[in-house]
Amino acid sequence: MNLTNSYEYDFSIGTDYMSTLGIGIYGLPLSYDDANSSKERREADRRFNNKSDLLESIERENEQKENNPAVGLKQFEDAMDYIRPFIKDNQDIPKGSFCTIPESVVCLDTPENATAFRSPYPIPYKMQDVVDEQVKEWLDN
């Protein structure tokens, strides 16, 4: 994908190429709420806490990769300066607007006399307010 309309910068975007280039997604925050866990589950988690030399060495390797950018700071800032207006344009698209790219149209052709609608299962009573709020948001946008 050539984002710059010139050959001054080389970009490769896509998760299918990331590992080949030594780029990975690391350090995503995780949170587990143990307050609602059963006592047996907490005990199993305590006994099998995934602490091993191998896992710790992998974690150290991941930390090194996180702190080793693929490009220099100047190149990164130049790239961000170039794509920032496109990101802003994308964020300024009104909610609820339709994509006008012809490839984005999806047609679901169904044969004649085929069922195209089935009544959904009933919404649980406790979830009806949540579903109503979501549907209202969709209709407003």
N, C-alpha and C. Protein backbone atom coordinates (compact mmCIF):
# COMPACT_ATOMS: atom_id res chain seq x y z
N MET A 1 0.85 -1.17 0.00
CA MET A 1 0.00 0.00 0.00
C MET A 1 0.90 1.23 0.00
N ASN A 2 0.80 2.05 -0.99
CA ASN A 2 1.63 3.25 -1.08
C ASN A 2 0.82 4.42 -0.54
N LEU A 3 1.15 4.86 0.68
CA LEU A 3 0.40 5.94 1.31
C LEU A 3 0.94 7.32 0.96
N THR A 4 2.12 7.38 0.42
CA THR A 4 2.77 8.68 0.25
C THR A 4 2.76 9.20 -1.17
N ASN A 5 2.33 8.40 -2.13
CA ASN A 5 2.37 8.78 -3.55
C ASN A 5 3.78 9.13 -4.00
N SER A 6 4.75 8.62 -3.30
CA SER A 6 6.14 8.78 -3.70
C SER A 6 6.88 7.55 -3.20
N TYR A 7 8.13 7.46 -3.53
CA TYR A 7 8.90 6.32 -3.06
C TYR A 7 9.86 6.72 -1.95
N GLU A 8 9.57 7.86 -1.28
CA GLU A 8 10.42 8.33 -0.21
C GLU A 8 10.30 7.43 1.03
N TYR A 9 9.09 6.88 1.27
CA TYR A 9 8.87 6.03 2.44
C TYR A 9 8.40 4.66 1.98
N ASP A 10 8.83 3.65 2.70
CA ASP A 10 8.35 2.30 2.43
C ASP A 10 7.44 1.88 3.58
N PHE A 11 6.21 1.52 3.26
CA PHE A 11 5.25 1.09 4.27
C PHE A 11 4.75 -0.29 3.92
N SER A 12 4.54 -1.08 4.91
CA SER A 12 3.83 -2.34 4.73
C SER A 12 2.82 -2.43 5.85
N ILE A 13 1.54 -2.45 5.49
CA ILE A 13 0.50 -2.47 6.50
C ILE A 13 -0.29 -3.76 6.33
N GLY A 14 -0.47 -4.45 7.40
CA GLY A 14 -1.26 -5.67 7.38
C GLY A 14 -0.69 -6.69 8.33
N THR A 15 -1.56 -7.31 9.09
CA THR A 15 -1.08 -8.27 10.08
C THR A 15 -0.48 -9.51 9.44
N ASP A 16 -0.81 -9.78 8.17
CA ASP A 16 -0.24 -10.96 7.53
C ASP A 16 1.26 -10.81 7.29
N TYR A 17 1.77 -9.59 7.22
CA TYR A 17 3.20 -9.37 7.00
C TYR A 17 3.94 -8.99 8.28
N MET A 18 3.21 -8.69 9.35
CA MET A 18 3.86 -8.16 10.54
C MET A 18 4.92 -9.11 11.11
N SER A 19 4.60 -10.39 11.25
CA SER A 19 5.57 -11.30 11.86
C SER A 19 6.81 -11.46 10.98
N THR A 20 6.63 -11.40 9.67
CA THR A 20 7.76 -11.50 8.75
C THR A 20 8.73 -10.34 8.97
N LEU A 21 8.19 -9.18 9.30
CA LEU A 21 9.01 -7.99 9.51
C LEU A 21 9.49 -7.87 10.95
N GLY A 22 9.11 -8.82 11.80
CA GLY A 22 9.52 -8.76 13.19
C GLY A 22 8.69 -7.79 14.00
N ILE A 23 7.49 -7.48 13.53
CA ILE A 23 6.61 -6.57 14.25
C ILE A 23 5.53 -7.40 14.91
N GLY A 24 5.24 -7.12 16.15
CA GLY A 24 4.20 -7.86 16.86
C GLY A 24 3.35 -6.94 17.70
N ILE A 25 2.23 -7.46 18.14
CA ILE A 25 1.35 -6.73 19.04
C ILE A 25 1.58 -7.30 20.42
N TYR A 26 2.14 -6.48 21.31
CA TYR A 26 2.53 -6.94 22.63
C TYR A 26 2.02 -5.99 23.69
N GLY A 27 1.98 -6.48 24.91
CA GLY A 27 1.72 -5.63 26.06
C GLY A 27 0.30 -5.13 26.18
N LEU A 28 -0.68 -5.88 25.66
CA LEU A 28 -2.06 -5.45 25.79
C LEU A 28 -2.49 -5.64 27.24
N PRO A 29 -3.16 -4.65 27.83
CA PRO A 29 -3.55 -4.77 29.23
C PRO A 29 -4.67 -5.80 29.40
N LEU A 30 -4.55 -6.58 30.43
CA LEU A 30 -5.58 -7.57 30.76
C LEU A 30 -6.01 -7.35 32.19
N SER A 31 -7.27 -7.59 32.45
CA SER A 31 -7.78 -7.46 33.80
C SER A 31 -8.75 -8.59 34.05
N TYR A 32 -8.57 -9.26 35.15
CA TYR A 32 -9.48 -10.33 35.52
C TYR A 32 -10.07 -9.99 36.88
N ASP A 33 -11.35 -10.09 37.00
CA ASP A 33 -12.03 -9.82 38.26
C ASP A 33 -12.20 -11.14 38.99
N ASP A 34 -11.36 -11.38 39.99
CA ASP A 34 -11.43 -12.63 40.74
C ASP A 34 -12.51 -12.61 41.81
N ALA A 35 -13.13 -11.46 42.04
CA ALA A 35 -14.14 -11.38 43.09
C ALA A 35 -15.31 -12.31 42.81
N ASN A 36 -15.63 -12.53 41.54
CA ASN A 36 -16.76 -13.37 41.18
C ASN A 36 -16.35 -14.81 40.89
N SER A 37 -15.07 -15.12 41.02
CA SER A 37 -14.59 -16.47 40.73
C SER A 37 -14.89 -17.40 41.89
N SER A 38 -15.09 -18.64 41.57
CA SER A 38 -15.31 -19.62 42.63
C SER A 38 -13.98 -19.89 43.34
N LYS A 39 -14.10 -20.41 44.55
CA LYS A 39 -12.90 -20.71 45.33
C LYS A 39 -12.04 -21.75 44.61
N GLU A 40 -12.69 -22.75 44.00
CA GLU A 40 -11.95 -23.79 43.29
C GLU A 40 -11.19 -23.21 42.11
N ARG A 41 -11.82 -22.28 41.40
CA ARG A 41 -11.17 -21.66 40.24
C ARG A 41 -9.95 -20.85 40.66
N ARG A 42 -10.10 -20.07 41.75
CA ARG A 42 -8.97 -19.28 42.24
C ARG A 42 -7.82 -20.18 42.67
N GLU A 43 -8.16 -21.32 43.30
CA GLU A 43 -7.12 -22.26 43.73
C GLU A 43 -6.41 -22.86 42.52
N ALA A 44 -7.17 -23.21 41.48
CA ALA A 44 -6.55 -23.75 40.26
C ALA A 44 -5.65 -22.70 39.61
N ASP A 45 -6.10 -21.46 39.58
CA ASP A 45 -5.28 -20.39 39.02
C ASP A 45 -4.00 -20.19 39.83
N ARG A 46 -4.10 -20.35 41.15
CA ARG A 46 -2.92 -20.18 41.99
C ARG A 46 -1.91 -21.29 41.72
N ARG A 47 -2.39 -22.53 41.57
CA ARG A 47 -1.48 -23.66 41.35
C ARG A 47 -0.88 -23.64 39.95
N PHE A 48 -1.65 -23.21 38.96
CA PHE A 48 -1.18 -23.20 37.58
C PHE A 48 -1.09 -21.75 37.11
N ASN A 49 -0.11 -21.04 37.63
CA ASN A 49 -0.02 -19.60 37.36
C ASN A 49 0.87 -19.26 36.17
N ASN A 50 1.26 -20.27 35.39
CA ASN A 50 2.05 -20.04 34.18
C ASN A 50 3.40 -19.40 34.45
N LYS A 51 3.97 -19.63 35.61
CA LYS A 51 5.31 -19.13 35.88
C LYS A 51 6.31 -20.22 35.51
N SER A 52 7.10 -19.95 34.52
CA SER A 52 8.14 -20.90 34.13
C SER A 52 9.28 -20.11 33.50
N ASP A 53 10.44 -20.73 33.44
CA ASP A 53 11.59 -20.06 32.84
C ASP A 53 11.31 -19.72 31.38
N LEU A 54 10.65 -20.64 30.67
CA LEU A 54 10.36 -20.40 29.25
C LEU A 54 9.43 -19.20 29.08
N LEU A 55 8.34 -19.17 29.85
CA LEU A 55 7.40 -18.05 29.71
C LEU A 55 8.03 -16.73 30.13
N GLU A 56 8.85 -16.77 31.17
CA GLU A 56 9.51 -15.54 31.59
C GLU A 56 10.51 -15.06 30.55
N SER A 57 11.21 -15.98 29.87
CA SER A 57 12.14 -15.56 28.81
C SER A 57 11.37 -15.00 27.62
N ILE A 58 10.21 -15.57 27.31
CA ILE A 58 9.38 -15.03 26.23
C ILE A 58 8.91 -13.62 26.59
N GLU A 59 8.52 -13.43 27.84
CA GLU A 59 8.07 -12.11 28.29
C GLU A 59 9.21 -11.09 28.18
N ARG A 60 10.43 -11.47 28.56
CA ARG A 60 11.58 -10.56 28.42
C ARG A 60 11.82 -10.22 26.95
N GLU A 61 11.71 -11.23 26.07
CA GLU A 61 11.89 -11.00 24.64
C GLU A 61 10.82 -10.04 24.10
N ASN A 62 9.59 -10.22 24.55
CA ASN A 62 8.51 -9.33 24.12
C ASN A 62 8.75 -7.90 24.58
N GLU A 63 9.24 -7.74 25.81
CA GLU A 63 9.55 -6.40 26.31
C GLU A 63 10.64 -5.74 25.46
N GLN A 64 11.64 -6.52 25.05
CA GLN A 64 12.69 -5.96 24.19
C GLN A 64 12.12 -5.52 22.85
N LYS A 65 11.21 -6.31 22.29
CA LYS A 65 10.61 -5.95 21.01
C LYS A 65 9.75 -4.70 21.14
N GLU A 66 9.06 -4.56 22.28
CA GLU A 66 8.23 -3.37 22.49
C GLU A 66 9.07 -2.11 22.50
N ASN A 67 10.26 -2.21 23.04
CA ASN A 67 11.11 -1.04 23.18
C ASN A 67 12.10 -0.90 22.03
N ASN A 68 11.82 -1.55 20.91
CA ASN A 68 12.70 -1.52 19.76
C ASN A 68 11.87 -1.20 18.52
N PRO A 69 11.60 0.08 18.27
CA PRO A 69 10.72 0.43 17.14
C PRO A 69 11.34 0.02 15.80
N ALA A 70 10.47 -0.24 14.83
CA ALA A 70 10.91 -0.67 13.50
C ALA A 70 11.56 0.47 12.73
N VAL A 71 11.19 1.70 13.05
CA VAL A 71 11.75 2.87 12.37
C VAL A 71 12.20 3.87 13.42
N GLY A 72 12.99 4.83 13.00
CA GLY A 72 13.44 5.87 13.91
C GLY A 72 12.32 6.85 14.23
N LEU A 73 12.54 7.65 15.27
CA LEU A 73 11.53 8.61 15.71
C LEU A 73 11.18 9.60 14.61
N LYS A 74 12.16 10.09 13.86
CA LYS A 74 11.92 11.05 12.78
C LYS A 74 11.04 10.42 11.70
N GLN A 75 11.37 9.19 11.30
CA GLN A 75 10.57 8.50 10.28
C GLN A 75 9.14 8.28 10.77
N PHE A 76 9.00 7.91 12.04
CA PHE A 76 7.68 7.68 12.61
C PHE A 76 6.87 8.98 12.60
N GLU A 77 7.48 10.07 13.04
CA GLU A 77 6.77 11.35 13.07
C GLU A 77 6.41 11.81 11.66
N ASP A 78 7.30 11.62 10.69
CA ASP A 78 6.99 11.97 9.30
C ASP A 78 5.79 11.17 8.79
N ALA A 79 5.78 9.89 9.10
CA ALA A 79 4.66 9.04 8.67
C ALA A 79 3.36 9.49 9.33
N MET A 80 3.43 9.78 10.63
CA MET A 80 2.22 10.22 11.34
C MET A 80 1.74 11.57 10.81
N ASP A 81 2.66 12.48 10.51
CA ASP A 81 2.27 13.78 9.95
C ASP A 81 1.56 13.60 8.62
N TYR A 82 2.01 12.62 7.84
CA TYR A 82 1.39 12.39 6.54
C TYR A 82 -0.01 11.80 6.66
N ILE A 83 -0.18 10.80 7.56
CA ILE A 83 -1.48 10.13 7.62
C ILE A 83 -2.47 10.80 8.57
N ARG A 84 -2.01 11.73 9.41
CA ARG A 84 -2.90 12.39 10.37
C ARG A 84 -4.12 13.05 9.71
N PRO A 85 -3.97 13.78 8.58
CA PRO A 85 -5.17 14.37 7.96
C PRO A 85 -6.18 13.31 7.50
N PHE A 86 -5.68 12.17 7.04
CA PHE A 86 -6.59 11.11 6.60
C PHE A 86 -7.33 10.50 7.79
N ILE A 87 -6.63 10.37 8.90
CA ILE A 87 -7.28 9.87 10.12
C ILE A 87 -8.36 10.83 10.57
N LYS A 88 -8.05 12.15 10.54
CA LYS A 88 -9.04 13.15 10.94
C LYS A 88 -10.24 13.12 10.02
N ASP A 89 -10.00 13.04 8.69
CA ASP A 89 -11.12 12.95 7.74
C ASP A 89 -11.99 11.74 8.05
N ASN A 90 -11.35 10.63 8.37
CA ASN A 90 -12.10 9.41 8.68
C ASN A 90 -12.93 9.59 9.95
N GLN A 91 -12.35 10.23 10.96
CA GLN A 91 -13.06 10.43 12.22
C GLN A 91 -14.19 11.44 12.07
N ASP A 92 -14.10 12.32 11.08
CA ASP A 92 -15.14 13.33 10.87
C ASP A 92 -16.34 12.81 10.08
N ILE A 93 -16.29 11.58 9.61
CA ILE A 93 -17.43 11.02 8.89
C ILE A 93 -18.58 10.90 9.89
N PRO A 94 -19.75 11.44 9.55
CA PRO A 94 -20.87 11.40 10.50
C PRO A 94 -21.30 9.97 10.82
N LYS A 95 -21.68 9.77 12.07
CA LYS A 95 -22.21 8.47 12.47
C LYS A 95 -23.45 8.18 11.65
N GLY A 96 -23.60 6.97 11.23
CA GLY A 96 -24.80 6.58 10.50
C GLY A 96 -24.73 6.83 9.02
N SER A 97 -23.66 7.47 8.53
CA SER A 97 -23.56 7.69 7.09
C SER A 97 -23.18 6.38 6.41
N PHE A 98 -23.48 6.29 5.15
CA PHE A 98 -23.22 5.06 4.42
C PHE A 98 -21.91 5.17 3.66
N CYS A 99 -21.24 4.07 3.52
CA CYS A 99 -20.01 4.01 2.75
C CYS A 99 -20.35 4.08 1.27
N THR A 100 -19.69 4.97 0.56
CA THR A 100 -19.99 5.17 -0.86
C THR A 100 -19.04 4.41 -1.78
N ILE A 101 -18.15 3.63 -1.22
CA ILE A 101 -17.24 2.84 -2.05
C ILE A 101 -18.03 1.69 -2.65
N PRO A 102 -18.02 1.54 -3.98
CA PRO A 102 -18.84 0.49 -4.61
C PRO A 102 -18.57 -0.91 -4.06
N GLU A 103 -17.32 -1.20 -3.70
CA GLU A 103 -17.00 -2.53 -3.19
C GLU A 103 -17.64 -2.82 -1.84
N SER A 104 -18.12 -1.78 -1.16
CA SER A 104 -18.68 -1.99 0.18
C SER A 104 -20.12 -2.47 0.15
N VAL A 105 -20.74 -2.50 -1.02
CA VAL A 105 -22.13 -2.94 -1.13
C VAL A 105 -22.17 -4.47 -1.07
N VAL A 106 -23.02 -4.97 -0.19
CA VAL A 106 -23.18 -6.41 -0.05
C VAL A 106 -24.58 -6.79 -0.50
N CYS A 107 -24.67 -7.70 -1.44
CA CYS A 107 -25.96 -8.18 -1.94
C CYS A 107 -26.17 -9.61 -1.46
N LEU A 108 -27.31 -9.84 -0.87
CA LEU A 108 -27.65 -11.19 -0.43
C LEU A 108 -28.79 -11.70 -1.30
N ASP A 109 -28.43 -12.30 -2.40
CA ASP A 109 -29.43 -12.84 -3.31
C ASP A 109 -29.99 -14.14 -2.73
N THR A 110 -31.31 -14.21 -2.65
CA THR A 110 -31.95 -15.42 -2.16
C THR A 110 -32.84 -15.99 -3.24
N PRO A 111 -32.89 -17.28 -3.34
CA PRO A 111 -33.76 -17.89 -4.35
C PRO A 111 -35.23 -17.68 -4.00
N GLU A 112 -36.07 -17.76 -5.02
CA GLU A 112 -37.50 -17.58 -4.79
C GLU A 112 -38.01 -18.66 -3.85
N ASN A 113 -39.01 -18.27 -3.06
CA ASN A 113 -39.67 -19.16 -2.10
C ASN A 113 -38.73 -19.66 -1.00
N ALA A 114 -37.62 -19.00 -0.82
CA ALA A 114 -36.71 -19.37 0.27
C ALA A 114 -36.97 -18.44 1.44
N THR A 115 -36.83 -18.97 2.63
CA THR A 115 -37.05 -18.16 3.82
C THR A 115 -35.91 -17.17 3.97
N ALA A 116 -36.26 -15.89 4.04
CA ALA A 116 -35.24 -14.86 4.21
C ALA A 116 -35.36 -14.19 5.56
N PHE A 117 -36.41 -14.52 6.31
CA PHE A 117 -36.59 -13.93 7.63
C PHE A 117 -37.12 -15.00 8.57
N ARG A 118 -36.53 -15.06 9.72
CA ARG A 118 -37.04 -15.92 10.77
C ARG A 118 -37.17 -15.09 12.02
N SER A 119 -38.23 -15.29 12.73
CA SER A 119 -38.45 -14.55 13.97
C SER A 119 -37.33 -14.86 14.95
N PRO A 120 -36.74 -13.82 15.55
CA PRO A 120 -35.65 -14.07 16.50
C PRO A 120 -36.20 -14.67 17.80
N TYR A 121 -35.29 -15.24 18.56
CA TYR A 121 -35.69 -15.77 19.86
C TYR A 121 -36.08 -14.61 20.77
N PRO A 122 -36.92 -14.85 21.76
CA PRO A 122 -37.35 -13.76 22.65
C PRO A 122 -36.17 -13.19 23.43
N ILE A 123 -36.19 -11.89 23.62
CA ILE A 123 -35.14 -11.21 24.39
C ILE A 123 -35.43 -11.42 25.87
N PRO A 124 -34.43 -11.83 26.65
CA PRO A 124 -34.66 -12.00 28.09
C PRO A 124 -35.15 -10.70 28.72
N TYR A 125 -36.06 -10.83 29.65
CA TYR A 125 -36.69 -9.66 30.27
C TYR A 125 -35.65 -8.70 30.85
N LYS A 126 -34.62 -9.23 31.50
CA LYS A 126 -33.60 -8.39 32.13
C LYS A 126 -32.81 -7.58 31.10
N MET A 127 -32.76 -8.05 29.85
CA MET A 127 -31.95 -7.39 28.82
C MET A 127 -32.77 -6.48 27.91
N GLN A 128 -34.08 -6.42 28.09
CA GLN A 128 -34.91 -5.64 27.17
C GLN A 128 -34.56 -4.16 27.17
N ASP A 129 -34.28 -3.58 28.34
CA ASP A 129 -33.91 -2.16 28.39
C ASP A 129 -32.60 -1.90 27.65
N VAL A 130 -31.64 -2.79 27.82
CA VAL A 130 -30.34 -2.63 27.15
C VAL A 130 -30.53 -2.71 25.64
N VAL A 131 -31.32 -3.68 25.19
CA VAL A 131 -31.57 -3.84 23.76
C VAL A 131 -32.32 -2.63 23.22
N ASP A 132 -33.33 -2.15 23.96
CA ASP A 132 -34.08 -0.97 23.52
C ASP A 132 -33.18 0.25 23.37
N GLU A 133 -32.26 0.44 24.32
CA GLU A 133 -31.33 1.57 24.23
C GLU A 133 -30.44 1.45 23.00
N GLN A 134 -29.94 0.25 22.72
CA GLN A 134 -29.07 0.05 21.56
C GLN A 134 -29.83 0.29 20.27
N VAL A 135 -31.05 -0.21 20.16
CA VAL A 135 -31.85 0.00 18.96
C VAL A 135 -32.13 1.48 18.78
N LYS A 136 -32.44 2.19 19.87
CA LYS A 136 -32.69 3.63 19.77
C LYS A 136 -31.44 4.36 19.26
N GLU A 137 -30.25 3.97 19.76
CA GLU A 137 -29.01 4.59 19.28
C GLU A 137 -28.82 4.33 17.79
N TRP A 138 -29.10 3.11 17.34
CA TRP A 138 -28.96 2.80 15.92
C TRP A 138 -29.92 3.64 15.09
N LEU A 139 -31.15 3.79 15.57
CA LEU A 139 -32.14 4.57 14.82
C LEU A 139 -31.78 6.06 14.79
N ASP A 140 -31.22 6.56 15.89
CA ASP A 140 -30.83 7.98 15.95
C ASP A 140 -29.67 8.29 15.02
N ASN A 141 -28.83 7.30 14.78
CA ASN A 141 -27.66 7.54 13.94
C ASN A 141 -27.93 7.11 12.53
